[in-house]
Protein backbone atom coordinates (compact mmCIF):
# COMPACT_ATOMS: atom_id res chain seq x y z
CA MET A 1 0.00 0.00 0.00
CA LEU A 2 2.80 2.43 0.82
CA LYS A 3 4.25 1.86 -2.64
CA ILE A 4 0.98 3.10 -4.16
CA LEU A 5 0.91 6.11 -1.86
CA LEU A 6 4.39 7.10 -3.01
CA SER A 7 3.90 6.45 -6.72
CA VAL A 8 0.33 7.55 -7.48
CA SER A 9 -0.70 11.18 -7.01
CA VAL A 10 -4.48 10.75 -7.29
CA PHE A 11 -6.01 7.99 -5.21
CA ARG A 12 -8.88 7.08 -2.92
CA ILE A 13 -8.13 4.02 -0.85
CA LEU A 14 -10.35 1.84 1.32
CA VAL A 15 -8.49 -0.36 3.80
CA CYS A 16 -10.47 -2.99 5.72
CA GLY A 17 -9.35 -5.26 8.49
CA PRO A 18 -11.10 -8.18 10.20
CA SER A 19 -11.13 -6.47 13.61
CA ASN A 20 -10.80 -3.11 15.33
CA ALA A 21 -7.32 -4.11 16.51
CA SER A 22 -6.28 -4.75 12.91
CA ALA A 23 -7.73 -1.44 11.65
CA ASN A 24 -6.06 0.42 14.53
CA GLN A 25 -2.70 -1.18 13.73
CA ILE A 26 -2.95 -0.23 10.04
CA SER A 27 -3.92 3.33 11.04
CA SER A 28 -0.93 3.51 13.38
CA TYR A 29 1.38 2.52 10.52
CA LEU A 30 -0.08 5.27 8.32
CA ILE A 31 0.48 7.86 11.06
CA GLU A 32 4.06 6.68 11.60
CA PHE A 33 4.59 6.92 7.83
CA GLY A 34 4.25 10.66 8.42
CA LYS A 35 2.65 11.73 5.14
CA PHE A 36 -0.94 12.33 6.26
CA GLU A 37 -2.63 14.98 8.33
CA PRO A 38 -5.95 14.37 10.11
CA GLY A 39 -8.66 14.55 7.46
CA GLU A 40 -6.50 13.13 4.67
CA PHE A 41 -7.04 9.70 6.15
CA VAL A 42 -9.62 8.62 8.66
CA ARG A 43 -10.06 5.66 10.98
CA LEU A 44 -13.78 5.09 10.57
CA LEU A 45 -15.26 3.53 13.71
CA GLY A 46 -18.34 1.35 13.82
CA TYR A 47 -21.62 2.53 15.28
CA THR A 48 -21.05 0.50 18.42
CA SER A 49 -17.36 1.36 18.86
CA ALA A 50 -16.61 3.40 21.93
CA GLU A 51 -14.33 6.36 21.28
CA SER A 52 -12.75 5.65 24.67
CA ALA A 53 -11.39 2.40 23.15
CA VAL A 54 -9.49 4.31 20.44
CA PRO A 55 -5.73 4.48 21.12
CA GLU A 56 -4.45 7.98 21.91
CA LEU A 57 -2.35 8.06 18.73
CA LEU A 58 -5.50 7.68 16.60
CA LYS A 59 -7.78 10.18 18.37
CA ASN A 60 -7.23 12.97 15.79
CA TYR A 61 -7.93 10.57 12.92
CA ALA A 62 -10.95 8.70 14.29
CA MET A 63 -14.55 9.36 13.24
CA ASP A 64 -17.62 7.49 14.35
CA GLY A 65 -20.45 6.21 12.18
CA THR A 66 -22.41 9.45 12.56
CA SER A 67 -19.68 11.28 10.59
CA MET A 68 -19.88 9.16 7.44
CA GLN A 69 -20.28 12.06 5.02
CA SER A 70 -17.13 13.74 6.37
CA ALA A 71 -15.22 10.47 6.37
CA PHE A 72 -15.94 9.88 2.71
CA MET A 73 -14.16 13.12 1.80
CA SER A 74 -10.87 11.58 3.00
CA ARG A 75 -8.35 10.08 0.58
CA ILE A 76 -7.86 6.98 2.75
CA ILE A 77 -10.48 5.28 4.92
CA VAL A 78 -9.45 2.55 7.36
CA THR A 79 -12.21 0.48 8.96
CA THR A 80 -13.31 -3.07 9.64
CA CYS A 81 -14.90 -5.17 6.90
CA ASN A 82 -18.16 -5.37 8.81
CA SER A 83 -18.33 -1.60 9.35
CA ALA A 84 -17.48 -0.94 5.70
CA ALA A 85 -20.38 -3.14 4.58
CA GLN A 86 -22.81 -1.35 6.90
CA PHE A 87 -21.65 2.11 5.90
CA PHE A 88 -21.67 1.44 2.18
CA GLU A 89 -25.13 -0.06 2.34
CA LYS A 90 -26.41 3.14 3.97
CA MET A 91 -24.39 5.52 1.77
CA GLY A 92 -25.16 3.97 -1.61
CA ILE A 93 -21.53 3.93 -2.72
CA VAL A 94 -21.00 4.00 -6.47
CA GLU A 95 -18.81 1.53 -8.34
CA ASP A 96 -15.78 3.79 -8.88
CA GLN A 97 -15.72 5.37 -5.41
CA PHE A 98 -12.23 4.02 -4.63
CA SER A 99 -9.16 3.59 -6.80
CA HIS A 100 -7.80 0.83 -4.53
CA VAL A 101 -9.29 -1.52 -1.93
CA PHE A 102 -7.09 -3.47 0.49
CA ILE A 103 -8.50 -6.19 2.74
CA ASP A 104 -6.09 -7.23 5.48
CA GLU A 105 -6.25 -10.91 6.41
CA ALA A 106 -9.31 -11.46 4.21
CA GLY A 107 -9.48 -15.13 5.23
CA TYR A 108 -10.46 -14.08 8.77
CA CYS A 109 -13.31 -11.81 7.65
CA HIS A 110 -16.93 -12.79 7.99
CA GLU A 111 -19.57 -12.01 5.42
CA PRO A 112 -22.03 -9.49 6.86
CA GLY A 113 -25.46 -10.91 7.53
C-alpha cells in the first residue's frame, strides 16, 4: 500500500481489516509513515465502537459512524470489513468510489449478515 501512496498522485483508498485491533494497527502505521494529516485519512469507527477504546495516537484521525459524510471526503479510509459493509449499504456507494481496496487478512473476515 505504501508503494501506491508514493507512486500515485491521485487515489482514494479503502483499507479494511477483520477487527478493530487490525484497523487500529494499520492506522498507526499510516500515522508513523508521516505523510498524512488528520482529514487526509480517517479511521472510521463502527456505530457501536466506543471512542474511549481508540488508542491515543488515533484520536485525531478517528470518526464514528455518525460522521460518514465527512469520512468519505478523505483520501484513505481505514475500517473493519463489517463496518465498511454497513456504511456502504447506507451511503449507496457507487462503483468507482475508490481507486484501490485493500483487505487485510481477508481469510479471517466474515460475510455481513
